[in-house]
N, C-alpha and C. Protein backbone atom coordinates (compact mmCIF):
# COMPACT_ATOMS: atom_id res chain seq x y z
N MET A 1 -13.97 -14.91 -8.47
CA MET A 1 -14.90 -14.12 -9.25
C MET A 1 -14.20 -13.57 -10.47
N ALA A 2 -14.90 -13.42 -11.52
CA ALA A 2 -14.30 -12.95 -12.77
C ALA A 2 -14.39 -11.43 -12.86
N ALA A 3 -13.43 -10.85 -13.55
CA ALA A 3 -13.45 -9.41 -13.78
C ALA A 3 -14.51 -9.09 -14.83
N THR A 4 -15.09 -7.91 -14.73
CA THR A 4 -16.07 -7.49 -15.70
C THR A 4 -15.64 -6.17 -16.28
N SER A 5 -16.22 -5.83 -17.45
CA SER A 5 -15.88 -4.55 -18.04
C SER A 5 -16.38 -3.44 -17.13
N GLY A 6 -15.65 -2.36 -17.07
CA GLY A 6 -15.99 -1.26 -16.21
C GLY A 6 -15.41 -1.38 -14.81
N LYS A 7 -14.83 -2.52 -14.49
CA LYS A 7 -14.16 -2.73 -13.21
C LYS A 7 -15.04 -2.37 -12.02
N SER A 8 -16.32 -2.76 -12.07
CA SER A 8 -17.21 -2.43 -10.97
C SER A 8 -17.49 -3.61 -10.05
N LYS A 9 -17.16 -4.80 -10.44
CA LYS A 9 -17.40 -5.99 -9.62
C LYS A 9 -16.14 -6.35 -8.85
N VAL A 10 -16.34 -7.00 -7.71
CA VAL A 10 -15.23 -7.51 -6.92
C VAL A 10 -14.48 -8.53 -7.77
N TYR A 11 -13.15 -8.43 -7.78
CA TYR A 11 -12.32 -9.37 -8.53
C TYR A 11 -11.16 -9.79 -7.63
N ILE A 12 -11.26 -10.97 -7.07
CA ILE A 12 -10.23 -11.50 -6.17
C ILE A 12 -9.66 -12.76 -6.83
N PRO A 13 -8.61 -12.59 -7.64
CA PRO A 13 -8.03 -13.75 -8.31
C PRO A 13 -7.13 -14.56 -7.37
N LEU A 14 -6.78 -15.74 -7.78
CA LEU A 14 -5.80 -16.52 -7.04
C LEU A 14 -4.46 -15.81 -7.19
N ALA A 15 -3.98 -15.28 -6.10
CA ALA A 15 -2.71 -14.53 -6.10
C ALA A 15 -2.11 -14.69 -4.72
N GLY A 16 -1.29 -15.67 -4.53
CA GLY A 16 -0.79 -15.99 -3.21
C GLY A 16 -1.63 -17.09 -2.59
N CYS A 17 -1.38 -17.40 -1.34
CA CYS A 17 -2.01 -18.55 -0.69
C CYS A 17 -3.25 -18.22 0.11
N ALA A 18 -3.56 -16.95 0.33
CA ALA A 18 -4.77 -16.60 1.07
C ALA A 18 -5.98 -16.84 0.18
N SER A 19 -7.05 -17.37 0.75
CA SER A 19 -8.25 -17.62 -0.04
C SER A 19 -9.49 -17.03 0.61
N ASP A 20 -9.31 -16.16 1.60
CA ASP A 20 -10.47 -15.62 2.31
C ASP A 20 -10.54 -14.10 2.27
N GLY A 21 -9.89 -13.49 1.29
CA GLY A 21 -9.97 -12.04 1.15
C GLY A 21 -11.38 -11.64 0.74
N TRP A 22 -11.78 -10.42 1.10
CA TRP A 22 -13.11 -9.94 0.77
C TRP A 22 -13.10 -8.44 0.52
N SER A 23 -14.17 -7.97 -0.08
CA SER A 23 -14.32 -6.57 -0.38
C SER A 23 -15.80 -6.22 -0.29
N ALA A 24 -16.11 -5.14 0.41
CA ALA A 24 -17.47 -4.64 0.55
C ALA A 24 -17.46 -3.16 0.17
N GLU A 25 -18.58 -2.52 0.24
CA GLU A 25 -18.68 -1.11 -0.15
C GLU A 25 -17.73 -0.21 0.64
N ASP A 26 -17.61 -0.45 1.95
CA ASP A 26 -16.86 0.45 2.81
C ASP A 26 -15.52 -0.09 3.30
N GLN A 27 -15.26 -1.39 3.15
CA GLN A 27 -14.05 -2.01 3.66
C GLN A 27 -13.58 -3.11 2.72
N ALA A 28 -12.31 -3.45 2.87
CA ALA A 28 -11.74 -4.56 2.10
C ALA A 28 -10.57 -5.13 2.90
N THR A 29 -9.98 -6.19 2.37
CA THR A 29 -8.85 -6.83 3.04
C THR A 29 -7.58 -6.73 2.21
N ALA A 30 -6.48 -6.86 2.94
CA ALA A 30 -5.14 -6.95 2.34
C ALA A 30 -4.46 -8.12 3.03
N THR A 31 -3.79 -8.97 2.26
CA THR A 31 -3.10 -10.12 2.84
C THR A 31 -1.69 -10.22 2.29
N CYS A 32 -0.85 -10.89 3.06
CA CYS A 32 0.50 -11.17 2.59
C CYS A 32 0.44 -12.34 1.60
N PHE A 33 1.54 -12.66 0.98
CA PHE A 33 1.57 -13.71 -0.05
C PHE A 33 1.20 -15.08 0.52
N CYS A 34 1.66 -15.39 1.72
CA CYS A 34 1.37 -16.72 2.29
C CYS A 34 0.02 -16.78 3.00
N GLY A 35 -0.58 -15.63 3.29
CA GLY A 35 -1.89 -15.59 3.93
C GLY A 35 -1.85 -15.54 5.44
N ALA A 36 -0.67 -15.52 6.05
CA ALA A 36 -0.57 -15.51 7.51
C ALA A 36 -1.05 -14.19 8.11
N VAL A 37 -0.91 -13.08 7.37
CA VAL A 37 -1.30 -11.76 7.86
C VAL A 37 -2.46 -11.25 7.02
N GLU A 38 -3.50 -10.77 7.70
CA GLU A 38 -4.65 -10.18 7.00
C GLU A 38 -5.06 -8.91 7.72
N LEU A 39 -5.25 -7.84 6.96
CA LEU A 39 -5.68 -6.55 7.46
C LEU A 39 -7.02 -6.19 6.84
N ALA A 40 -7.82 -5.39 7.53
CA ALA A 40 -9.02 -4.79 6.96
C ALA A 40 -8.83 -3.28 7.02
N PHE A 41 -9.27 -2.61 5.98
CA PHE A 41 -9.09 -1.16 5.88
C PHE A 41 -10.31 -0.53 5.21
N PRO A 42 -10.53 0.77 5.42
CA PRO A 42 -11.64 1.46 4.78
C PRO A 42 -11.32 1.78 3.32
N THR A 43 -12.35 1.81 2.49
CA THR A 43 -12.15 2.10 1.07
C THR A 43 -12.53 3.54 0.70
N HIS A 44 -12.78 4.36 1.72
CA HIS A 44 -13.03 5.78 1.49
C HIS A 44 -12.74 6.54 2.77
N GLY A 45 -12.76 7.87 2.69
CA GLY A 45 -12.48 8.71 3.84
C GLY A 45 -13.60 8.65 4.86
N PRO A 46 -13.31 9.01 6.09
CA PRO A 46 -12.07 9.64 6.54
C PRO A 46 -10.94 8.65 6.83
N GLY A 47 -11.23 7.35 6.90
CA GLY A 47 -10.18 6.38 7.22
C GLY A 47 -9.16 6.20 6.12
N LEU A 48 -9.62 6.24 4.85
CA LEU A 48 -8.69 6.19 3.72
C LEU A 48 -8.21 7.62 3.49
N VAL A 49 -6.93 7.87 3.77
CA VAL A 49 -6.39 9.23 3.77
C VAL A 49 -5.92 9.65 2.39
N ASN A 50 -5.13 8.77 1.71
CA ASN A 50 -4.55 9.15 0.42
C ASN A 50 -4.12 7.91 -0.35
N THR A 51 -3.93 8.10 -1.65
CA THR A 51 -3.40 7.05 -2.52
C THR A 51 -2.29 7.67 -3.36
N PHE A 52 -1.15 6.98 -3.46
CA PHE A 52 -0.03 7.60 -4.16
C PHE A 52 1.00 6.57 -4.63
N VAL A 53 1.78 7.01 -5.60
CA VAL A 53 2.95 6.27 -6.06
C VAL A 53 4.16 7.03 -5.57
N CYS A 54 5.15 6.31 -5.08
CA CYS A 54 6.39 6.93 -4.63
C CYS A 54 7.56 6.36 -5.42
N ASN A 55 8.37 7.25 -5.97
CA ASN A 55 9.54 6.87 -6.75
C ASN A 55 10.84 7.08 -5.98
N CYS A 56 10.76 7.40 -4.68
CA CYS A 56 11.98 7.69 -3.93
C CYS A 56 12.89 6.45 -3.92
N THR A 57 14.15 6.69 -3.72
CA THR A 57 15.12 5.59 -3.77
C THR A 57 14.88 4.57 -2.66
N ASP A 58 14.36 5.03 -1.52
CA ASP A 58 14.07 4.11 -0.42
C ASP A 58 12.94 3.15 -0.81
N CYS A 59 11.85 3.68 -1.35
CA CYS A 59 10.74 2.82 -1.77
C CYS A 59 11.17 1.88 -2.90
N ARG A 60 11.98 2.37 -3.80
CA ARG A 60 12.45 1.51 -4.89
C ARG A 60 13.25 0.34 -4.34
N LYS A 61 14.11 0.60 -3.39
CA LYS A 61 14.96 -0.46 -2.83
C LYS A 61 14.15 -1.46 -2.01
N ILE A 62 13.27 -0.95 -1.13
CA ILE A 62 12.55 -1.86 -0.22
C ILE A 62 11.50 -2.70 -0.95
N THR A 63 11.01 -2.23 -2.10
CA THR A 63 10.03 -3.02 -2.86
C THR A 63 10.68 -3.87 -3.94
N ALA A 64 11.98 -3.68 -4.17
CA ALA A 64 12.68 -4.37 -5.26
C ALA A 64 11.97 -4.11 -6.58
N SER A 65 11.52 -2.87 -6.76
CA SER A 65 10.80 -2.46 -7.96
C SER A 65 11.20 -1.02 -8.28
N MET A 66 10.62 -0.46 -9.33
CA MET A 66 10.98 0.89 -9.75
C MET A 66 10.17 1.97 -9.03
N PHE A 67 9.12 1.57 -8.32
CA PHE A 67 8.31 2.51 -7.54
C PHE A 67 7.45 1.70 -6.58
N ALA A 68 6.82 2.38 -5.65
CA ALA A 68 5.90 1.73 -4.72
C ALA A 68 4.53 2.36 -4.89
N SER A 69 3.51 1.53 -5.00
CA SER A 69 2.13 2.03 -5.05
C SER A 69 1.53 1.84 -3.66
N ASN A 70 1.06 2.94 -3.09
CA ASN A 70 0.70 2.98 -1.67
C ASN A 70 -0.66 3.61 -1.43
N PHE A 71 -1.20 3.34 -0.26
CA PHE A 71 -2.34 4.10 0.23
C PHE A 71 -2.18 4.27 1.74
N THR A 72 -2.64 5.41 2.22
CA THR A 72 -2.48 5.74 3.62
C THR A 72 -3.82 5.60 4.33
N VAL A 73 -3.77 4.93 5.49
CA VAL A 73 -4.97 4.68 6.28
C VAL A 73 -4.76 5.23 7.68
N ALA A 74 -5.79 5.87 8.22
CA ALA A 74 -5.74 6.32 9.61
C ALA A 74 -5.67 5.08 10.50
N ASP A 75 -4.75 5.09 11.45
CA ASP A 75 -4.58 3.94 12.34
C ASP A 75 -5.87 3.58 13.09
N THR A 76 -6.71 4.56 13.33
CA THR A 76 -7.98 4.31 14.02
C THR A 76 -8.92 3.45 13.18
N HIS A 77 -8.65 3.33 11.87
CA HIS A 77 -9.51 2.58 10.97
C HIS A 77 -8.86 1.29 10.44
N LEU A 78 -7.61 1.05 10.78
CA LEU A 78 -6.90 -0.15 10.31
C LEU A 78 -7.10 -1.28 11.32
N LYS A 79 -7.54 -2.44 10.82
CA LYS A 79 -7.79 -3.58 11.69
C LYS A 79 -6.87 -4.74 11.32
N HIS A 80 -6.25 -5.33 12.31
CA HIS A 80 -5.46 -6.55 12.12
C HIS A 80 -6.40 -7.73 12.35
N LEU A 81 -6.77 -8.42 11.29
CA LEU A 81 -7.69 -9.55 11.42
C LEU A 81 -6.97 -10.82 11.86
N ARG A 82 -5.74 -10.98 11.39
CA ARG A 82 -4.92 -12.11 11.84
C ARG A 82 -3.45 -11.82 11.54
N GLY A 83 -2.60 -12.49 12.29
CA GLY A 83 -1.18 -12.48 12.01
C GLY A 83 -0.38 -11.32 12.56
N ARG A 84 -0.97 -10.49 13.40
CA ARG A 84 -0.20 -9.36 13.95
C ARG A 84 1.08 -9.85 14.62
N GLU A 85 0.99 -10.98 15.31
CA GLU A 85 2.16 -11.55 15.99
C GLU A 85 3.17 -12.11 14.99
N ASN A 86 2.77 -12.28 13.74
CA ASN A 86 3.65 -12.81 12.69
C ASN A 86 4.45 -11.70 12.01
N LEU A 87 4.13 -10.45 12.32
CA LEU A 87 4.83 -9.33 11.69
C LEU A 87 6.17 -9.08 12.37
N LYS A 88 7.18 -8.86 11.57
CA LYS A 88 8.51 -8.44 12.04
C LYS A 88 8.70 -6.99 11.64
N ARG A 89 9.50 -6.28 12.42
CA ARG A 89 9.73 -4.86 12.16
C ARG A 89 11.18 -4.60 11.81
N PHE A 90 11.35 -3.61 10.95
CA PHE A 90 12.67 -3.07 10.66
C PHE A 90 12.50 -1.56 10.57
N ALA A 91 13.27 -0.82 11.34
CA ALA A 91 13.14 0.63 11.36
C ALA A 91 14.48 1.29 11.14
N GLN A 92 14.46 2.44 10.45
CA GLN A 92 15.66 3.23 10.25
C GLN A 92 15.26 4.62 9.76
N SER A 93 16.18 5.57 9.85
CA SER A 93 15.91 6.93 9.37
C SER A 93 17.01 7.42 8.43
N GLN A 94 18.05 6.66 8.26
CA GLN A 94 19.22 7.08 7.48
C GLN A 94 18.87 7.45 6.04
N THR A 95 17.99 6.69 5.38
CA THR A 95 17.69 6.94 3.97
C THR A 95 16.32 7.58 3.75
N ILE A 96 15.64 7.96 4.81
CA ILE A 96 14.30 8.54 4.71
C ILE A 96 14.43 10.04 4.44
N ALA A 97 13.70 10.53 3.42
CA ALA A 97 13.82 11.94 3.01
C ALA A 97 13.53 12.91 4.15
N SER A 98 12.60 12.56 5.03
CA SER A 98 12.24 13.46 6.13
C SER A 98 13.23 13.37 7.30
N ASP A 99 14.15 12.41 7.24
CA ASP A 99 15.09 12.12 8.33
C ASP A 99 14.40 11.59 9.59
N HIS A 100 13.11 11.29 9.50
CA HIS A 100 12.36 10.73 10.61
C HIS A 100 12.36 9.21 10.50
N LEU A 101 12.18 8.54 11.61
CA LEU A 101 12.16 7.08 11.65
C LEU A 101 11.01 6.52 10.81
N MET A 102 11.30 5.50 10.00
CA MET A 102 10.29 4.78 9.23
C MET A 102 10.39 3.32 9.65
N THR A 103 9.28 2.76 10.09
CA THR A 103 9.24 1.37 10.54
C THR A 103 8.46 0.55 9.51
N ASN A 104 9.07 -0.54 9.08
CA ASN A 104 8.48 -1.43 8.07
C ASN A 104 7.98 -2.69 8.76
N TYR A 105 6.78 -3.13 8.40
CA TYR A 105 6.17 -4.33 8.99
C TYR A 105 6.04 -5.40 7.90
N PHE A 106 6.80 -6.48 8.08
CA PHE A 106 6.89 -7.58 7.12
C PHE A 106 6.28 -8.85 7.70
N CYS A 107 5.69 -9.68 6.85
CA CYS A 107 5.29 -11.02 7.30
C CYS A 107 6.56 -11.82 7.54
N SER A 108 6.68 -12.42 8.71
CA SER A 108 7.90 -13.17 9.02
C SER A 108 7.97 -14.51 8.30
N THR A 109 6.87 -14.95 7.72
CA THR A 109 6.87 -16.22 6.98
C THR A 109 7.27 -16.02 5.52
N CYS A 110 6.58 -15.11 4.81
CA CYS A 110 6.83 -14.95 3.37
C CYS A 110 7.60 -13.69 3.00
N GLY A 111 7.75 -12.76 3.93
CA GLY A 111 8.52 -11.54 3.67
C GLY A 111 7.75 -10.39 3.06
N THR A 112 6.45 -10.53 2.82
CA THR A 112 5.68 -9.45 2.22
C THR A 112 5.71 -8.21 3.11
N LEU A 113 6.04 -7.06 2.51
CA LEU A 113 5.96 -5.79 3.21
C LEU A 113 4.49 -5.39 3.26
N MET A 114 3.90 -5.41 4.44
CA MET A 114 2.47 -5.11 4.58
C MET A 114 2.21 -3.61 4.72
N TYR A 115 3.02 -2.94 5.53
CA TYR A 115 2.84 -1.51 5.69
C TYR A 115 4.06 -0.89 6.34
N ARG A 116 4.08 0.45 6.26
CA ARG A 116 5.15 1.25 6.87
C ARG A 116 4.50 2.27 7.78
N VAL A 117 5.19 2.62 8.85
CA VAL A 117 4.73 3.65 9.76
C VAL A 117 5.85 4.67 9.88
N GLY A 118 5.58 5.91 9.50
CA GLY A 118 6.58 6.96 9.53
C GLY A 118 6.34 7.93 10.66
N ALA A 119 7.39 8.26 11.40
CA ALA A 119 7.28 9.22 12.49
C ALA A 119 6.82 10.59 11.98
N ALA A 120 7.05 10.87 10.70
CA ALA A 120 6.62 12.14 10.12
C ALA A 120 5.12 12.15 9.83
N PHE A 121 4.45 10.98 9.95
CA PHE A 121 3.02 10.86 9.66
C PHE A 121 2.30 10.19 10.83
N PRO A 122 2.24 10.85 11.98
CA PRO A 122 1.65 10.22 13.17
C PRO A 122 0.18 9.84 12.93
N GLY A 123 -0.18 8.67 13.46
CA GLY A 123 -1.56 8.21 13.38
C GLY A 123 -1.96 7.61 12.05
N GLN A 124 -0.97 7.35 11.17
CA GLN A 124 -1.26 6.79 9.86
C GLN A 124 -0.33 5.63 9.55
N SER A 125 -0.84 4.69 8.76
CA SER A 125 -0.03 3.59 8.24
C SER A 125 -0.07 3.64 6.73
N ILE A 126 1.07 3.32 6.11
CA ILE A 126 1.20 3.35 4.65
C ILE A 126 1.18 1.90 4.16
N LEU A 127 0.08 1.50 3.54
CA LEU A 127 -0.08 0.14 3.04
C LEU A 127 0.30 0.07 1.57
N ARG A 128 0.59 -1.12 1.08
CA ARG A 128 0.92 -1.36 -0.31
C ARG A 128 -0.33 -1.76 -1.08
N ILE A 129 -0.62 -1.06 -2.16
CA ILE A 129 -1.82 -1.36 -2.95
C ILE A 129 -1.82 -2.83 -3.39
N ARG A 130 -0.69 -3.36 -3.75
CA ARG A 130 -0.65 -4.73 -4.27
C ARG A 130 -1.01 -5.79 -3.23
N THR A 131 -1.02 -5.47 -1.95
CA THR A 131 -1.44 -6.45 -0.95
C THR A 131 -2.96 -6.57 -0.87
N VAL A 132 -3.68 -5.64 -1.51
CA VAL A 132 -5.15 -5.63 -1.47
C VAL A 132 -5.69 -6.80 -2.30
N ASP A 133 -6.59 -7.55 -1.69
CA ASP A 133 -7.09 -8.77 -2.32
C ASP A 133 -8.00 -8.51 -3.52
N ASP A 134 -8.82 -7.47 -3.47
CA ASP A 134 -9.73 -7.14 -4.57
C ASP A 134 -8.99 -6.29 -5.61
N PHE A 135 -8.64 -6.92 -6.73
CA PHE A 135 -7.87 -6.24 -7.76
C PHE A 135 -8.65 -5.08 -8.40
N THR A 136 -9.96 -5.09 -8.34
CA THR A 136 -10.74 -3.98 -8.88
C THR A 136 -10.41 -2.69 -8.13
N LEU A 137 -10.16 -2.79 -6.83
CA LEU A 137 -9.83 -1.61 -6.04
C LEU A 137 -8.52 -0.97 -6.48
N HIS A 138 -7.60 -1.76 -7.05
CA HIS A 138 -6.32 -1.22 -7.52
C HIS A 138 -6.56 -0.15 -8.58
N GLU A 139 -7.62 -0.33 -9.35
CA GLU A 139 -7.90 0.58 -10.47
C GLU A 139 -9.02 1.57 -10.19
N THR A 140 -9.69 1.42 -9.04
CA THR A 140 -10.82 2.30 -8.75
C THR A 140 -10.52 3.13 -7.49
N LYS A 141 -10.99 2.71 -6.36
CA LYS A 141 -10.87 3.50 -5.14
C LYS A 141 -9.43 3.73 -4.68
N LEU A 142 -8.51 2.83 -5.05
CA LEU A 142 -7.11 2.97 -4.62
C LEU A 142 -6.19 3.47 -5.73
N ARG A 143 -6.76 3.87 -6.86
CA ARG A 143 -5.94 4.40 -7.95
C ARG A 143 -5.15 5.60 -7.42
N PRO A 144 -3.84 5.61 -7.63
CA PRO A 144 -3.02 6.71 -7.09
C PRO A 144 -3.44 8.09 -7.61
N ARG A 145 -3.64 9.01 -6.68
CA ARG A 145 -4.00 10.39 -7.02
C ARG A 145 -2.78 11.29 -7.05
N ILE A 146 -1.68 10.83 -6.43
CA ILE A 146 -0.45 11.61 -6.33
C ILE A 146 0.72 10.74 -6.76
N GLU A 147 1.69 11.35 -7.41
CA GLU A 147 2.97 10.69 -7.67
C GLU A 147 4.06 11.58 -7.10
N GLN A 148 4.83 11.02 -6.17
CA GLN A 148 5.86 11.83 -5.52
C GLN A 148 7.26 11.31 -5.86
N PHE A 149 8.22 12.17 -5.61
CA PHE A 149 9.62 11.93 -5.94
C PHE A 149 9.80 11.61 -7.43
N THR A 150 9.12 12.42 -8.26
CA THR A 150 9.24 12.23 -9.71
C THR A 150 10.68 12.50 -10.17
N LYS A 151 11.45 13.24 -9.38
CA LYS A 151 12.86 13.48 -9.74
C LYS A 151 13.64 12.17 -9.76
N ASP A 152 13.15 11.15 -9.04
CA ASP A 152 13.83 9.85 -9.00
C ASP A 152 13.16 8.80 -9.89
N ARG A 153 12.14 9.19 -10.64
CA ARG A 153 11.42 8.26 -11.51
C ARG A 153 12.35 7.78 -12.63
N VAL A 154 12.29 6.50 -12.96
CA VAL A 154 13.10 5.98 -14.06
C VAL A 154 12.63 6.58 -15.38
N ALA A 155 13.55 6.79 -16.30
CA ALA A 155 13.25 7.47 -17.55
C ALA A 155 12.24 6.72 -18.42
N TRP A 156 12.19 5.40 -18.30
CA TRP A 156 11.28 4.64 -19.16
C TRP A 156 9.84 4.60 -18.65
N SER A 157 9.57 5.23 -17.51
CA SER A 157 8.21 5.30 -16.97
C SER A 157 7.67 6.71 -17.16
N SER A 158 6.46 6.80 -17.68
CA SER A 158 5.86 8.12 -17.90
C SER A 158 5.02 8.57 -16.71
N GLY A 159 4.95 7.75 -15.68
CA GLY A 159 4.22 8.14 -14.48
C GLY A 159 2.77 7.72 -14.50
N VAL A 160 2.03 8.18 -13.50
CA VAL A 160 0.63 7.82 -13.32
C VAL A 160 -0.24 8.86 -14.01
N GLU A 161 -0.95 8.45 -15.02
CA GLU A 161 -1.80 9.36 -15.78
C GLU A 161 -2.84 10.00 -14.87
N GLY A 162 -2.89 11.33 -14.91
CA GLY A 162 -3.88 12.08 -14.14
C GLY A 162 -3.49 12.38 -12.70
N ALA A 163 -2.40 11.81 -12.21
CA ALA A 163 -1.98 12.05 -10.82
C ALA A 163 -1.26 13.39 -10.71
N ARG A 164 -1.44 14.07 -9.58
CA ARG A 164 -0.67 15.28 -9.31
C ARG A 164 0.77 14.86 -9.04
N GLU A 165 1.73 15.56 -9.63
CA GLU A 165 3.14 15.18 -9.51
C GLU A 165 3.88 16.15 -8.59
N PHE A 166 4.80 15.55 -7.84
CA PHE A 166 5.68 16.32 -6.94
C PHE A 166 7.10 15.82 -7.13
N GLU A 167 8.05 16.73 -7.26
CA GLU A 167 9.46 16.33 -7.42
C GLU A 167 9.99 15.67 -6.16
N GLY A 168 9.49 16.07 -5.02
CA GLY A 168 9.88 15.48 -3.74
C GLY A 168 8.65 14.88 -3.07
N MET A 169 8.60 15.01 -1.75
CA MET A 169 7.46 14.48 -1.01
C MET A 169 6.25 15.38 -1.22
N SER A 170 5.09 14.77 -1.40
CA SER A 170 3.88 15.57 -1.57
C SER A 170 3.53 16.27 -0.26
N SER A 171 2.85 17.38 -0.38
CA SER A 171 2.51 18.13 0.83
C SER A 171 1.15 17.78 1.36
């Protein structure tokens, strides 16, 4: 489908090998690059908890980028449509600001980081905005409302326009 002005139409471009992503009023999908893992998530509350950019050094390292764009979903609303058995886990607490265990779930085929689960955030999963198949949602319902760890933001980035900023973890 083609993008339209105003970003109100579903826009699922060819981006990776999955070809069955979808988006509806209340739910949408997220897939890994190879398409082996597919999740469904709510596009509004109460299941969609928050949207944020994180500049912490841990997120920068694990994404191989200068920040991570994320959204938090209540586990009661997150559905594994396929590939749950294809996910590999890596957990550690050494570099996590809260000192609590953070578990990362990666596609074992292509390596895409699908989500993180932090012991400091029980009952929630932290998904990556870029895994969402409908690119319109990146700019609309999933647009980051918070930017955290701005103290670690690279100097050449001015941050997320209109987002509430926190030097450390948002409250």
